[in-house]
Amino acid sequence: MRKAWLVMVSALALAGCHRSVQGTYNMVNGPAQGVVATFGEKTFSLSTGASGNYEVSNGNVILSGSSLSGTFKIEGEKLVGDRFSFVPRAPGDKTPIDKGPREGGFSKAKAGSFSY
């Protein structure tokens, strides 16, 4: 009985270490206004066309894509990076979704590893 309890506790502890970030997020403080990110099981895509893969490790989300890469810390429901962050998009959010960088809204110096 004790071994079964230890196995169950260990399984729950391991399951708690991997947090799902699947969902739709608004990019805040980013290089362009209105960018929406969608995180699937292991892939992500942005409304600007950037996409790639990601993994969750030690409380971080590590993005690897040709147009966007970087590490974001999981803080509650937010994904917080050095230059910009992602916050969950409410199901009823009707704000416009950007289809690309707006004139004057994109700064490569500000964006870091974010590129088009």
PDB file of N, CA and C in Angstrom:
ATOM      1  N   MET A   1       0.821  -1.190   0.000  1.00  0.00           N
ATOM      2  CA  MET A   1       0.000   0.000   0.000  1.00  0.00           C
ATOM      3  C   MET A   1       0.863   1.251   0.000  1.00  0.00           C
ATOM      4  N   ARG A   2       1.935   1.221   0.775  1.00  0.00           N
ATOM      5  CA  ARG A   2       2.806   2.384   0.862  1.00  0.00           C
ATOM      6  C   ARG A   2       3.483   2.669  -0.483  1.00  0.00           C
ATOM      7  N   LYS A   3       3.900   1.605  -1.195  1.00  0.00           N
ATOM      8  CA  LYS A   3       4.536   1.785  -2.498  1.00  0.00           C
ATOM      9  C   LYS A   3       3.562   2.408  -3.494  1.00  0.00           C
ATOM     10  N   ALA A   4       2.313   1.962  -3.464  1.00  0.00           N
ATOM     11  CA  ALA A   4       1.304   2.532  -4.372  1.00  0.00           C
ATOM     12  C   ALA A   4       1.104   4.009  -4.086  1.00  0.00           C
ATOM     13  N   TRP A   5       1.100   4.376  -2.821  1.00  0.00           N
ATOM     14  CA  TRP A   5       0.922   5.783  -2.449  1.00  0.00           C
ATOM     15  C   TRP A   5       2.104   6.611  -2.938  1.00  0.00           C
ATOM     16  N   LEU A   6       3.333   6.100  -2.775  1.00  0.00           N
ATOM     17  CA  LEU A   6       4.526   6.813  -3.235  1.00  0.00           C
ATOM     18  C   LEU A   6       4.534   6.982  -4.748  1.00  0.00           C
ATOM     19  N   VAL A   7       4.122   5.946  -5.469  1.00  0.00           N
ATOM     20  CA  VAL A   7       4.061   6.029  -6.926  1.00  0.00           C
ATOM     21  C   VAL A   7       3.044   7.099  -7.341  1.00  0.00           C
ATOM     22  N   MET A   8       1.890   7.124  -6.691  1.00  0.00           N
ATOM     23  CA  MET A   8       0.863   8.101  -7.030  1.00  0.00           C
ATOM     24  C   MET A   8       1.324   9.526  -6.735  1.00  0.00           C
ATOM     25  N   VAL A   9       1.968   9.745  -5.596  1.00  0.00           N
ATOM     26  CA  VAL A   9       2.473  11.069  -5.245  1.00  0.00           C
ATOM     27  C   VAL A   9       3.542  11.501  -6.235  1.00  0.00           C
ATOM     28  N   SER A  10       4.428  10.589  -6.611  1.00  0.00           N
ATOM     29  CA  SER A  10       5.475  10.913  -7.584  1.00  0.00           C
ATOM     30  C   SER A  10       4.882  11.282  -8.937  1.00  0.00           C
ATOM     31  N   ALA A  11       3.880  10.544  -9.370  1.00  0.00           N
ATOM     32  CA  ALA A  11       3.227  10.836 -10.658  1.00  0.00           C
ATOM     33  C   ALA A  11       2.562  12.198 -10.627  1.00  0.00           C
ATOM     34  N   LEU A  12       1.898  12.532  -9.533  1.00  0.00           N
ATOM     35  CA  LEU A  12       1.264  13.847  -9.413  1.00  0.00           C
ATOM     36  C   LEU A  12       2.290  14.969  -9.394  1.00  0.00           C
ATOM     37  N   ALA A  13       3.407  14.749  -8.744  1.00  0.00           N
ATOM     38  CA  ALA A  13       4.460  15.765  -8.704  1.00  0.00           C
ATOM     39  C   ALA A  13       5.034  16.015 -10.094  1.00  0.00           C
ATOM     40  N   LEU A  14       5.267  14.937 -10.842  1.00  0.00           N
ATOM     41  CA  LEU A  14       5.769  15.103 -12.206  1.00  0.00           C
ATOM     42  C   LEU A  14       4.748  15.784 -13.098  1.00  0.00           C
ATOM     43  N   ALA A  15       3.487  15.455 -12.949  1.00  0.00           N
ATOM     44  CA  ALA A  15       2.437  16.078 -13.754  1.00  0.00           C
ATOM     45  C   ALA A  15       2.335  17.558 -13.440  1.00  0.00           C
ATOM     46  N   GLY A  16       2.565  17.936 -12.199  1.00  0.00           N
ATOM     47  CA  GLY A  16       2.490  19.347 -11.814  1.00  0.00           C
ATOM     48  C   GLY A  16       3.623  20.173 -12.372  1.00  0.00           C
ATOM     49  N   CYS A  17       4.736  19.547 -12.721  1.00  0.00           N
ATOM     50  CA  CYS A  17       5.889  20.276 -13.251  1.00  0.00           C
ATOM     51  C   CYS A  17       5.650  20.745 -14.683  1.00  0.00           C
ATOM     52  N   HIS A  18       4.849  20.022 -15.430  1.00  0.00           N
ATOM     53  CA  HIS A  18       4.573  20.389 -16.821  1.00  0.00           C
ATOM     54  C   HIS A  18       3.236  21.103 -16.890  1.00  0.00           C
ATOM     55  N   ARG A  19       3.284  22.399 -17.141  1.00  0.00           N
ATOM     56  CA  ARG A  19       2.078  23.205 -17.186  1.00  0.00           C
ATOM     57  C   ARG A  19       1.723  23.483 -18.638  1.00  0.00           C
ATOM     58  N   SER A  20       0.473  23.307 -18.975  1.00  0.00           N
ATOM     59  CA  SER A  20       0.023  23.569 -20.336  1.00  0.00           C
ATOM     60  C   SER A  20      -0.140  25.070 -20.550  1.00  0.00           C
ATOM     61  N   VAL A  21       0.323  25.548 -21.675  1.00  0.00           N
ATOM     62  CA  VAL A  21       0.134  26.951 -22.041  1.00  0.00           C
ATOM     63  C   VAL A  21      -0.749  27.066 -23.280  1.00  0.00           C
ATOM     64  N   GLN A  22      -1.404  25.967 -23.646  1.00  0.00           N
ATOM     65  CA  GLN A  22      -2.265  25.986 -24.820  1.00  0.00           C
ATOM     66  C   GLN A  22      -3.338  27.055 -24.666  1.00  0.00           C
ATOM     67  N   GLY A  23      -3.578  27.783 -25.757  1.00  0.00           N
ATOM     68  CA  GLY A  23      -4.614  28.799 -25.746  1.00  0.00           C
ATOM     69  C   GLY A  23      -4.261  29.957 -26.647  1.00  0.00           C
ATOM     70  N   THR A  24      -5.038  31.013 -26.528  1.00  0.00           N
ATOM     71  CA  THR A  24      -4.861  32.204 -27.353  1.00  0.00           C
ATOM     72  C   THR A  24      -4.490  33.368 -26.451  1.00  0.00           C
ATOM     73  N   TYR A  25      -3.484  34.127 -26.870  1.00  0.00           N
ATOM     74  CA  TYR A  25      -2.925  35.205 -26.069  1.00  0.00           C
ATOM     75  C   TYR A  25      -2.826  36.492 -26.890  1.00  0.00           C
ATOM     76  N   ASN A  26      -2.936  37.630 -26.206  1.00  0.00           N
ATOM     77  CA  ASN A  26      -2.613  38.923 -26.801  1.00  0.00           C
ATOM     78  C   ASN A  26      -1.160  39.225 -26.462  1.00  0.00           C
ATOM     79  N   MET A  27      -0.409  39.743 -27.431  1.00  0.00           N
ATOM     80  CA  MET A  27       0.951  40.194 -27.162  1.00  0.00           C
ATOM     81  C   MET A  27       0.845  41.600 -26.583  1.00  0.00           C
ATOM     82  N   VAL A  28       1.518  41.851 -25.481  1.00  0.00           N
ATOM     83  CA  VAL A  28       1.528  43.187 -24.887  1.00  0.00           C
ATOM     84  C   VAL A  28       2.950  43.713 -24.869  1.00  0.00           C
ATOM     85  N   ASN A  29       3.069  45.014 -25.043  1.00  0.00           N
ATOM     86  CA  ASN A  29       4.364  45.702 -25.113  1.00  0.00           C
ATOM     87  C   ASN A  29       5.225  45.173 -26.243  1.00  0.00           C
ATOM     88  N   GLY A  30       4.584  44.676 -27.285  1.00  0.00           N
ATOM     89  CA  GLY A  30       5.316  44.096 -28.407  1.00  0.00           C
ATOM     90  C   GLY A  30       5.661  45.121 -29.469  1.00  0.00           C
ATOM     91  N   PRO A  31       6.316  44.673 -30.519  1.00  0.00           N
ATOM     92  CA  PRO A  31       6.742  45.556 -31.598  1.00  0.00           C
ATOM     93  C   PRO A  31       5.584  46.054 -32.468  1.00  0.00           C
ATOM     94  N   ALA A  32       4.415  45.435 -32.359  1.00  0.00           N
ATOM     95  CA  ALA A  32       3.242  45.852 -33.134  1.00  0.00           C
ATOM     96  C   ALA A  32       2.003  45.679 -32.256  1.00  0.00           C
ATOM     97  N   GLN A  33       1.004  46.513 -32.480  1.00  0.00           N
ATOM     98  CA  GLN A  33      -0.246  46.435 -31.729  1.00  0.00           C
ATOM     99  C   GLN A  33      -1.150  45.357 -32.313  1.00  0.00           C
ATOM    100  N   GLY A  34      -1.949  44.705 -31.474  1.00  0.00           N
ATOM    101  CA  GLY A  34      -2.969  43.781 -31.936  1.00  0.00           C
ATOM    102  C   GLY A  34      -2.499  42.414 -32.362  1.00  0.00           C
ATOM    103  N   VAL A  35      -1.298  42.019 -31.975  1.00  0.00           N
ATOM    104  CA  VAL A  35      -0.788  40.707 -32.359  1.00  0.00           C
ATOM    105  C   VAL A  35      -1.379  39.656 -31.418  1.00  0.00           C
ATOM    106  N   VAL A  36      -1.895  38.584 -32.003  1.00  0.00           N
ATOM    107  CA  VAL A  36      -2.485  37.484 -31.241  1.00  0.00           C
ATOM    108  C   VAL A  36      -1.659  36.224 -31.488  1.00  0.00           C
ATOM    109  N   ALA A  37      -1.366  35.508 -30.402  1.00  0.00           N
ATOM    110  CA  ALA A  37      -0.602  34.271 -30.488  1.00  0.00           C
ATOM    111  C   ALA A  37      -1.494  33.100 -30.106  1.00  0.00           C
ATOM    112  N   THR A  38      -1.375  32.021 -30.844  1.00  0.00           N
ATOM    113  CA  THR A  38      -2.096  30.798 -30.534  1.00  0.00           C
ATOM    114  C   THR A  38      -1.081  29.708 -30.237  1.00  0.00           C
ATOM    115  N   PHE A  39      -1.202  29.095 -29.058  1.00  0.00           N
ATOM    116  CA  PHE A  39      -0.319  28.013 -28.658  1.00  0.00           C
ATOM    117  C   PHE A  39      -1.098  26.711 -28.709  1.00  0.00           C
ATOM    118  N   GLY A  40      -0.629  25.783 -29.519  1.00  0.00           N
ATOM    119  CA  GLY A  40      -1.228  24.454 -29.600  1.00  0.00           C
ATOM    120  C   GLY A  40      -0.515  23.527 -28.639  1.00  0.00           C
ATOM    121  N   GLU A  41      -0.509  22.243 -28.985  1.00  0.00           N
ATOM    122  CA  GLU A  41       0.118  21.255 -28.098  1.00  0.00           C
ATOM    123  C   GLU A  41       1.633  21.444 -28.014  1.00  0.00           C
ATOM    124  N   LYS A  42       2.285  21.675 -29.154  1.00  0.00           N
ATOM    125  CA  LYS A  42       3.739  21.874 -29.178  1.00  0.00           C
ATOM    126  C   LYS A  42       4.158  22.962 -30.156  1.00  0.00           C
ATOM    127  N   THR A  43       3.196  23.603 -30.795  1.00  0.00           N
ATOM    128  CA  THR A  43       3.496  24.633 -31.793  1.00  0.00           C
ATOM    129  C   THR A  43       2.791  25.935 -31.421  1.00  0.00           C
ATOM    130  N   PHE A  44       3.300  27.033 -31.988  1.00  0.00           N
ATOM    131  CA  PHE A  44       2.673  28.331 -31.800  1.00  0.00           C
ATOM    132  C   PHE A  44       2.600  29.047 -33.138  1.00  0.00           C
ATOM    133  N   SER A  45       1.674  29.988 -33.234  1.00  0.00           N
ATOM    134  CA  SER A  45       1.602  30.846 -34.414  1.00  0.00           C
ATOM    135  C   SER A  45       1.098  32.211 -33.971  1.00  0.00           C
ATOM    136  N   LEU A  46       1.560  33.232 -34.676  1.00  0.00           N
ATOM    137  CA  LEU A  46       1.140  34.604 -34.422  1.00  0.00           C
ATOM    138  C   LEU A  46       0.308  35.087 -35.588  1.00  0.00           C
ATOM    139  N   SER A  47      -0.555  36.040 -35.328  1.00  0.00           N
ATOM    140  CA  SER A  47      -1.400  36.585 -36.390  1.00  0.00           C
ATOM    141  C   SER A  47      -0.582  37.312 -37.444  1.00  0.00           C
ATOM    142  N   THR A  48       0.686  37.586 -37.162  1.00  0.00           N
ATOM    143  CA  THR A  48       1.569  38.234 -38.125  1.00  0.00           C
ATOM    144  C   THR A  48       2.182  37.245 -39.109  1.00  0.00           C
ATOM    145  N   GLY A  49       1.997  35.948 -38.838  1.00  0.00           N
ATOM    146  CA  GLY A  49       2.550  34.925 -39.715  1.00  0.00           C
ATOM    147  C   GLY A  49       3.722  34.173 -39.108  1.00  0.00           C
ATOM    148  N   ALA A  50       4.305  34.697 -38.025  1.00  0.00           N
ATOM    149  CA  ALA A  50       5.403  33.993 -37.366  1.00  0.00           C
ATOM    150  C   ALA A  50       4.863  32.712 -36.738  1.00  0.00           C
ATOM    151  N   SER A  51       5.696  31.672 -36.733  1.00  0.00           N
ATOM    152  CA  SER A  51       5.269  30.408 -36.131  1.00  0.00           C
ATOM    153  C   SER A  51       6.500  29.588 -35.785  1.00  0.00           C
ATOM    154  N   GLY A  52       6.271  28.505 -35.070  1.00  0.00           N
ATOM    155  CA  GLY A  52       7.367  27.620 -34.706  1.00  0.00           C
ATOM    156  C   GLY A  52       6.924  26.619 -33.673  1.00  0.00           C
ATOM    157  N   ASN A  53       7.891  26.069 -32.991  1.00  0.00           N
ATOM    158  CA  ASN A  53       7.652  25.076 -31.947  1.00  0.00           C
ATOM    159  C   ASN A  53       7.968  25.701 -30.594  1.00  0.00           C
ATOM    160  N   TYR A  54       7.454  25.065 -29.546  1.00  0.00           N
ATOM    161  CA  TYR A  54       7.806  25.499 -28.199  1.00  0.00           C
ATOM    162  C   TYR A  54       7.856  24.295 -27.279  1.00  0.00           C
ATOM    163  N   GLU A  55       8.547  24.496 -26.162  1.00  0.00           N
ATOM    164  CA  GLU A  55       8.560  23.492 -25.112  1.00  0.00           C
ATOM    165  C   GLU A  55       8.449  24.205 -23.776  1.00  0.00           C
ATOM    166  N   VAL A  56       7.898  23.510 -22.796  1.00  0.00           N
ATOM    167  CA  VAL A  56       7.775  24.031 -21.443  1.00  0.00           C
ATOM    168  C   VAL A  56       8.810  23.318 -20.595  1.00  0.00           C
ATOM    169  N   SER A  57       9.649  24.095 -19.900  1.00  0.00           N
ATOM    170  CA  SER A  57      10.708  23.517 -19.088  1.00  0.00           C
ATOM    171  C   SER A  57      11.001  24.419 -17.895  1.00  0.00           C
ATOM    172  N   ASN A  58      10.940  23.872 -16.707  1.00  0.00           N
ATOM    173  CA  ASN A  58      11.299  24.594 -15.478  1.00  0.00           C
ATOM    174  C   ASN A  58      10.598  25.940 -15.341  1.00  0.00           C
ATOM    175  N   GLY A  59       9.316  25.981 -15.624  1.00  0.00           N
ATOM    176  CA  GLY A  59       8.554  27.215 -15.476  1.00  0.00           C
ATOM    177  C   GLY A  59       8.756  28.227 -16.578  1.00  0.00           C
ATOM    178  N   ASN A  60       9.364  27.792 -17.665  1.00  0.00           N
ATOM    179  CA  ASN A  60       9.609  28.659 -18.815  1.00  0.00           C
ATOM    180  C   ASN A  60       9.010  28.052 -20.070  1.00  0.00           C
ATOM    181  N   VAL A  61       8.644  28.928 -21.008  1.00  0.00           N
ATOM    182  CA  VAL A  61       8.219  28.502 -22.334  1.00  0.00           C
ATOM    183  C   VAL A  61       9.331  28.930 -23.286  1.00  0.00           C
ATOM    184  N   ILE A  62       9.897  27.984 -23.996  1.00  0.00           N
ATOM    185  CA  ILE A  62      11.007  28.250 -24.907  1.00  0.00           C
ATOM    186  C   ILE A  62      10.483  28.149 -26.331  1.00  0.00           C
ATOM    187  N   LEU A  63      10.454  29.299 -27.016  1.00  0.00           N
ATOM    188  CA  LEU A  63       9.972  29.369 -28.395  1.00  0.00           C
ATOM    189  C   LEU A  63      11.142  29.204 -29.346  1.00  0.00           C
ATOM    190  N   SER A  64      10.946  28.415 -30.394  1.00  0.00           N
ATOM    191  CA  SER A  64      11.959  28.285 -31.437  1.00  0.00           C
ATOM    192  C   SER A  64      11.248  28.309 -32.784  1.00  0.00           C
ATOM    193  N   GLY A  65      11.484  29.370 -33.503  1.00  0.00           N
ATOM    194  CA  GLY A  65      10.889  29.533 -34.817  1.00  0.00           C
ATOM    195  C   GLY A  65      11.800  30.375 -35.680  1.00  0.00           C
ATOM    196  N   SER A  66      11.542  30.413 -36.972  1.00  0.00           N
ATOM    197  CA  SER A  66      12.404  31.186 -37.858  1.00  0.00           C
ATOM    198  C   SER A  66      12.202  32.681 -37.682  1.00  0.00           C
ATOM    199  N   SER A  67      11.003  33.111 -37.289  1.00  0.00           N
ATOM    200  CA  SER A  67      10.720  34.537 -37.132  1.00  0.00           C
ATOM    201  C   SER A  67      10.651  34.988 -35.683  1.00  0.00           C
ATOM    202  N   LEU A  68      10.520  34.055 -34.764  1.00  0.00           N
ATOM    203  CA  LEU A  68      10.393  34.403 -33.349  1.00  0.00           C
ATOM    204  C   LEU A  68      10.988  33.294 -32.505  1.00  0.00           C
ATOM    205  N   SER A  69      11.876  33.674 -31.612  1.00  0.00           N
ATOM    206  CA  SER A  69      12.442  32.716 -30.671  1.00  0.00           C
ATOM    207  C   SER A  69      12.706  33.447 -29.365  1.00  0.00           C
ATOM    208  N   GLY A  70      12.799  32.706 -28.295  1.00  0.00           N
ATOM    209  CA  GLY A  70      13.089  33.311 -27.004  1.00  0.00           C
ATOM    210  C   GLY A  70      12.496  32.495 -25.876  1.00  0.00           C
ATOM    211  N   THR A  71      12.775  32.935 -24.662  1.00  0.00           N
ATOM    212  CA  THR A  71      12.300  32.265 -23.469  1.00  0.00           C
ATOM    213  C   THR A  71      11.374  33.198 -22.709  1.00  0.00           C
ATOM    214  N   PHE A  72      10.238  32.668 -22.300  1.00  0.00           N
ATOM    215  CA  PHE A  72       9.237  33.420 -21.565  1.00  0.00           C
ATOM    216  C   PHE A  72       8.943  32.704 -20.262  1.00  0.00           C
ATOM    217  N   LYS A  73       8.945  33.447 -19.166  1.00  0.00           N
ATOM    218  CA  LYS A  73       8.672  32.877 -17.849  1.00  0.00           C
ATOM    219  C   LYS A  73       7.167  32.781 -17.643  1.00  0.00           C
ATOM    220  N   ILE A  74       6.705  31.655 -17.124  1.00  0.00           N
ATOM    221  CA  ILE A  74       5.285  31.493 -16.817  1.00  0.00           C
ATOM    222  C   ILE A  74       5.019  32.159 -15.479  1.00  0.00           C
ATOM    223  N   GLU A  75       4.210  33.218 -15.486  1.00  0.00           N
ATOM    224  CA  GLU A  75       3.825  33.933 -14.270  1.00  0.00           C
ATOM    225  C   GLU A  75       2.306  33.925 -14.197  1.00  0.00           C
ATOM    226  N   GLY A  76       1.768  32.957 -13.482  1.00  0.00           N
ATOM    227  CA  GLY A  76       0.312  32.792 -13.425  1.00  0.00           C
ATOM    228  C   GLY A  76      -0.180  32.366 -14.793  1.00  0.00           C
ATOM    229  N   GLU A  77      -1.027  33.195 -15.396  1.00  0.00           N
ATOM    230  CA  GLU A  77      -1.558  32.919 -16.736  1.00  0.00           C
ATOM    231  C   GLU A  77      -0.761  33.638 -17.824  1.00  0.00           C
ATOM    232  N   LYS A  78       0.208  34.462 -17.448  1.00  0.00           N
ATOM    233  CA  LYS A  78       0.985  35.255 -18.400  1.00  0.00           C
ATOM    234  C   LYS A  78       2.273  34.543 -18.787  1.00  0.00           C
ATOM    235  N   LEU A  79       2.770  34.868 -19.978  1.00  0.00           N
ATOM    236  CA  LEU A  79       4.076  34.432 -20.447  1.00  0.00           C
ATOM    237  C   LEU A  79       4.901  35.707 -20.569  1.00  0.00           C
ATOM    238  N   VAL A  80       5.859  35.894 -19.676  1.00  0.00           N
ATOM    239  CA  VAL A  80       6.569  37.164 -19.553  1.00  0.00           C
ATOM    240  C   VAL A  80       7.981  37.038 -20.109  1.00  0.00           C
ATOM    241  N   GLY A  81       8.300  37.924 -21.065  1.00  0.00           N
ATOM    242  CA  GLY A  81       9.626  37.956 -21.663  1.00  0.00           C
ATOM    243  C   GLY A  81      10.345  39.249 -21.327  1.00  0.00           C
ATOM    244  N   ASP A  82      11.571  39.361 -21.785  1.00  0.00           N
ATOM    245  CA  ASP A  82      12.371  40.561 -21.536  1.00  0.00           C
ATOM    246  C   ASP A  82      11.827  41.784 -22.258  1.00  0.00           C
ATOM    247  N   ARG A  83      11.348  41.598 -23.477  1.00  0.00           N
ATOM    248  CA  ARG A  83      10.929  42.732 -24.292  1.00  0.00           C
ATOM    249  C   ARG A  83       9.415  42.842 -24.446  1.00  0.00           C
ATOM    250  N   PHE A  84       8.722  41.728 -24.445  1.00  0.00           N
ATOM    251  CA  PHE A  84       7.256  41.744 -24.537  1.00  0.00           C
ATOM    252  C   PHE A  84       6.705  40.493 -23.875  1.00  0.00           C
ATOM    253  N   SER A  85       5.401  40.478 -23.665  1.00  0.00           N
ATOM    254  CA  SER A  85       4.757  39.375 -22.961  1.00  0.00           C
ATOM    255  C   SER A  85       3.487  38.957 -23.675  1.00  0.00           C
ATOM    256  N   PHE A  86       2.931  37.835 -23.248  1.00  0.00           N
ATOM    257  CA  PHE A  86       1.657  37.335 -23.751  1.00  0.00           C
ATOM    258  C   PHE A  86       0.701  37.200 -22.572  1.00  0.00           C
ATOM    259  N   VAL A  87      -0.515  37.717 -22.737  1.00  0.00           N
ATOM    260  CA  VAL A  87      -1.553  37.566 -21.718  1.00  0.00           C
ATOM    261  C   VAL A  87      -2.726  36.832 -22.358  1.00  0.00           C
ATOM    262  N   PRO A  88      -3.418  36.001 -21.590  1.00  0.00           N
ATOM    263  CA  PRO A  88      -4.532  35.236 -22.169  1.00  0.00           C
ATOM    264  C   PRO A  88      -5.574  36.160 -22.802  1.00  0.00           C
ATOM    265  N   ARG A  89      -6.046  35.776 -23.949  1.00  0.00           N
ATOM    266  CA  ARG A  89      -7.084  36.528 -24.658  1.00  0.00           C
ATOM    267  C   ARG A  89      -8.436  36.017 -24.171  1.00  0.00           C
ATOM    268  N   ALA A  90      -9.262  36.920 -23.675  1.00  0.00           N
ATOM    269  CA  ALA A  90     -10.586  36.557 -23.177  1.00  0.00           C
ATOM    270  C   ALA A  90     -11.427  36.010 -24.329  1.00  0.00           C
ATOM    271  N   PRO A  91     -12.284  35.023 -24.071  1.00  0.00           N
ATOM    272  CA  PRO A  91     -13.109  34.438 -25.133  1.00  0.00           C
ATOM    273  C   PRO A  91     -13.958  35.467 -25.877  1.00  0.00           C
ATOM    274  N   GLY A  92     -14.404  36.503 -25.208  1.00  0.00           N
ATOM    275  CA  GLY A  92     -15.236  37.519 -25.854  1.00  0.00           C
ATOM    276  C   GLY A  92     -14.460  38.727 -26.362  1.00  0.00           C
ATOM    277  N   ASP A  93     -13.135  38.648 -26.393  1.00  0.00           N
ATOM    278  CA  ASP A  93     -12.298  39.771 -26.814  1.00  0.00           C
ATOM    279  C   ASP A  93     -12.549  40.082 -28.288  1.00  0.00           C
ATOM    280  N   LYS A  94     -13.007  41.289 -28.571  1.00  0.00           N
ATOM    281  CA  LYS A  94     -13.323  41.689 -29.949  1.00  0.00           C
ATOM    282  C   LYS A  94     -12.318  42.690 -30.508  1.00  0.00           C
ATOM    283  N   THR A  95     -11.198  42.915 -29.798  1.00  0.00           N
ATOM    284  CA  THR A  95     -10.217  43.861 -30.307  1.00  0.00           C
ATOM    285  C   THR A  95      -9.657  43.353 -31.630  1.00  0.00           C
ATOM    286  N   PRO A  96      -9.324  44.275 -32.523  1.00  0.00           N
ATOM    287  CA  PRO A  96      -8.811  43.863 -33.844  1.00  0.00           C
ATOM    288  C   PRO A  96      -7.519  43.066 -33.719  1.00  0.00           C
ATOM    289  N   ILE A  97      -7.343  42.138 -34.639  1.00  0.00           N
ATOM    290  CA  ILE A  97      -6.127  41.346 -34.713  1.00  0.00           C
ATOM    291  C   ILE A  97      -5.296  41.883 -35.862  1.00  0.00           C
ATOM    292  N   ASP A  98      -4.046  42.222 -35.567  1.00  0.00           N
ATOM    293  CA  ASP A  98      -3.122  42.746 -36.557  1.00  0.00           C
ATOM    294  C   ASP A  98      -2.757  41.647 -37.546  1.00  0.00           C
ATOM    295  N   LYS A  99      -2.677  41.991 -38.809  1.00  0.00           N
ATOM    296  CA  LYS A  99      -2.269  41.035 -39.843  1.00  0.00           C
ATOM    297  C   LYS A  99      -0.816  41.235 -40.245  1.00  0.00           C
ATOM    298  N   GLY A 100      -0.120  42.088 -39.541  1.00  0.00           N
ATOM    299  CA  GLY A 100       1.275  42.369 -39.840  1.00  0.00           C
ATOM    300  C   GLY A 100       1.691  43.645 -39.152  1.00  0.00           C
ATOM    301  N   PRO A 101       2.956  44.002 -39.238  1.00  0.00           N
ATOM    302  CA  PRO A 101       3.412  45.212 -38.556  1.00  0.00           C
ATOM    303  C   PRO A 101       2.773  46.458 -39.162  1.00  0.00           C
ATOM    304  N   ARG A 102       2.334  47.355 -38.316  1.00  0.00           N
ATOM    305  CA  ARG A 102       1.759  48.613 -38.787  1.00  0.00           C
ATOM    306  C   ARG A 102       2.864  49.625 -39.000  1.00  0.00           C
ATOM    307  N   GLU A 103       2.639  50.522 -39.923  1.00  0.00           N
ATOM    308  CA  GLU A 103       3.633  51.546 -40.201  1.00  0.00           C
ATOM    309  C   GLU A 103       3.927  52.320 -38.933  1.00  0.00           C
ATOM    310  N   GLY A 104       5.206  52.421 -38.590  1.00  0.00           N
ATOM    311  CA  GLY A 104       5.606  53.139 -37.393  1.00  0.00           C
ATOM    312  C   GLY A 104       5.433  52.330 -36.115  1.00  0.00           C
ATOM    313  N   GLY A 105       4.836  51.133 -36.193  1.00  0.00           N
ATOM    314  CA  GLY A 105       4.589  50.341 -34.996  1.00  0.00           C
ATOM    315  C   GLY A 105       5.619  49.267 -34.746  1.00  0.00           C
ATOM    316  N   PHE A 106       6.605  49.165 -35.617  1.00  0.00           N
ATOM    317  CA  PHE A 106       7.580  48.096 -35.486  1.00  0.00           C
ATOM    318  C   PHE A 106       8.972  48.685 -35.406  1.00  0.00           C
ATOM    319  N   SER A 107       9.718  48.295 -34.411  1.00  0.00           N
ATOM    320  CA  SER A 107      11.084  48.764 -34.238  1.00  0.00           C
ATOM    321  C   SER A 107      11.982  47.558 -34.008  1.00  0.00           C
ATOM    322  N   LYS A 108      12.873  47.284 -34.924  1.00  0.00           N
ATOM    323  CA  LYS A 108      13.753  46.128 -34.760  1.00  0.00           C
ATOM    324  C   LYS A 108      14.624  46.279 -33.517  1.00  0.00           C
ATOM    325  N   ALA A 109      15.015  47.502 -33.191  1.00  0.00           N
ATOM    326  CA  ALA A 109      15.826  47.706 -31.993  1.00  0.00           C
ATOM    327  C   ALA A 109      15.048  47.327 -30.746  1.00  0.00           C
ATOM    328  N   LYS A 110      13.769  47.626 -30.728  1.00  0.00           N
ATOM    329  CA  LYS A 110      12.922  47.319 -29.575  1.00  0.00           C
ATOM    330  C   LYS A 110      12.553  45.840 -29.542  1.00  0.00           C
ATOM    331  N   ALA A 111      12.504  45.203 -30.698  1.00  0.00           N
ATOM    332  CA  ALA A 111      11.951  43.853 -30.791  1.00  0.00           C
ATOM    333  C   ALA A 111      12.912  42.751 -30.366  1.00  0.00           C
ATOM    334  N   GLY A 112      14.188  42.985 -30.384  1.00  0.00           N
ATOM    335  CA  GLY A 112      15.115  41.909 -30.015  1.00  0.00           C
ATOM    336  C   GLY A 112      15.119  40.810 -31.054  1.00  0.00           C
ATOM    337  N   SER A 113      14.771  39.594 -30.649  1.00  0.00           N
ATOM    338  CA  SER A 113      14.824  38.457 -31.567  1.00  0.00           C
ATOM    339  C   SER A 113      13.572  38.331 -32.416  1.00  0.00           C
ATOM    340  N   PHE A 114      12.637  39.227 -32.279  1.00  0.00           N
ATOM    341  CA  PHE A 114      11.403  39.213 -33.063  1.00  0.00           C
ATOM    342  C   PHE A 114      11.721  39.837 -34.414  1.00  0.00           C
ATOM    343  N   SER A 115      11.517  39.099 -35.488  1.00  0.00           N
ATOM    344  CA  SER A 115      11.826  39.634 -36.815  1.00  0.00           C
ATOM    345  C   SER A 115      10.832  39.137 -37.821  1.00  0.00           C
ATOM    346  N   TYR A 116      10.767  39.801 -38.935  1.00  0.00           N
ATOM    347  CA  TYR A 116       9.876  39.423 -40.029  1.00  0.00           C
ATOM    348  C   TYR A 116      10.678  39.070 -41.249  1.00  0.00           C
TER     349      TYR A 116
END
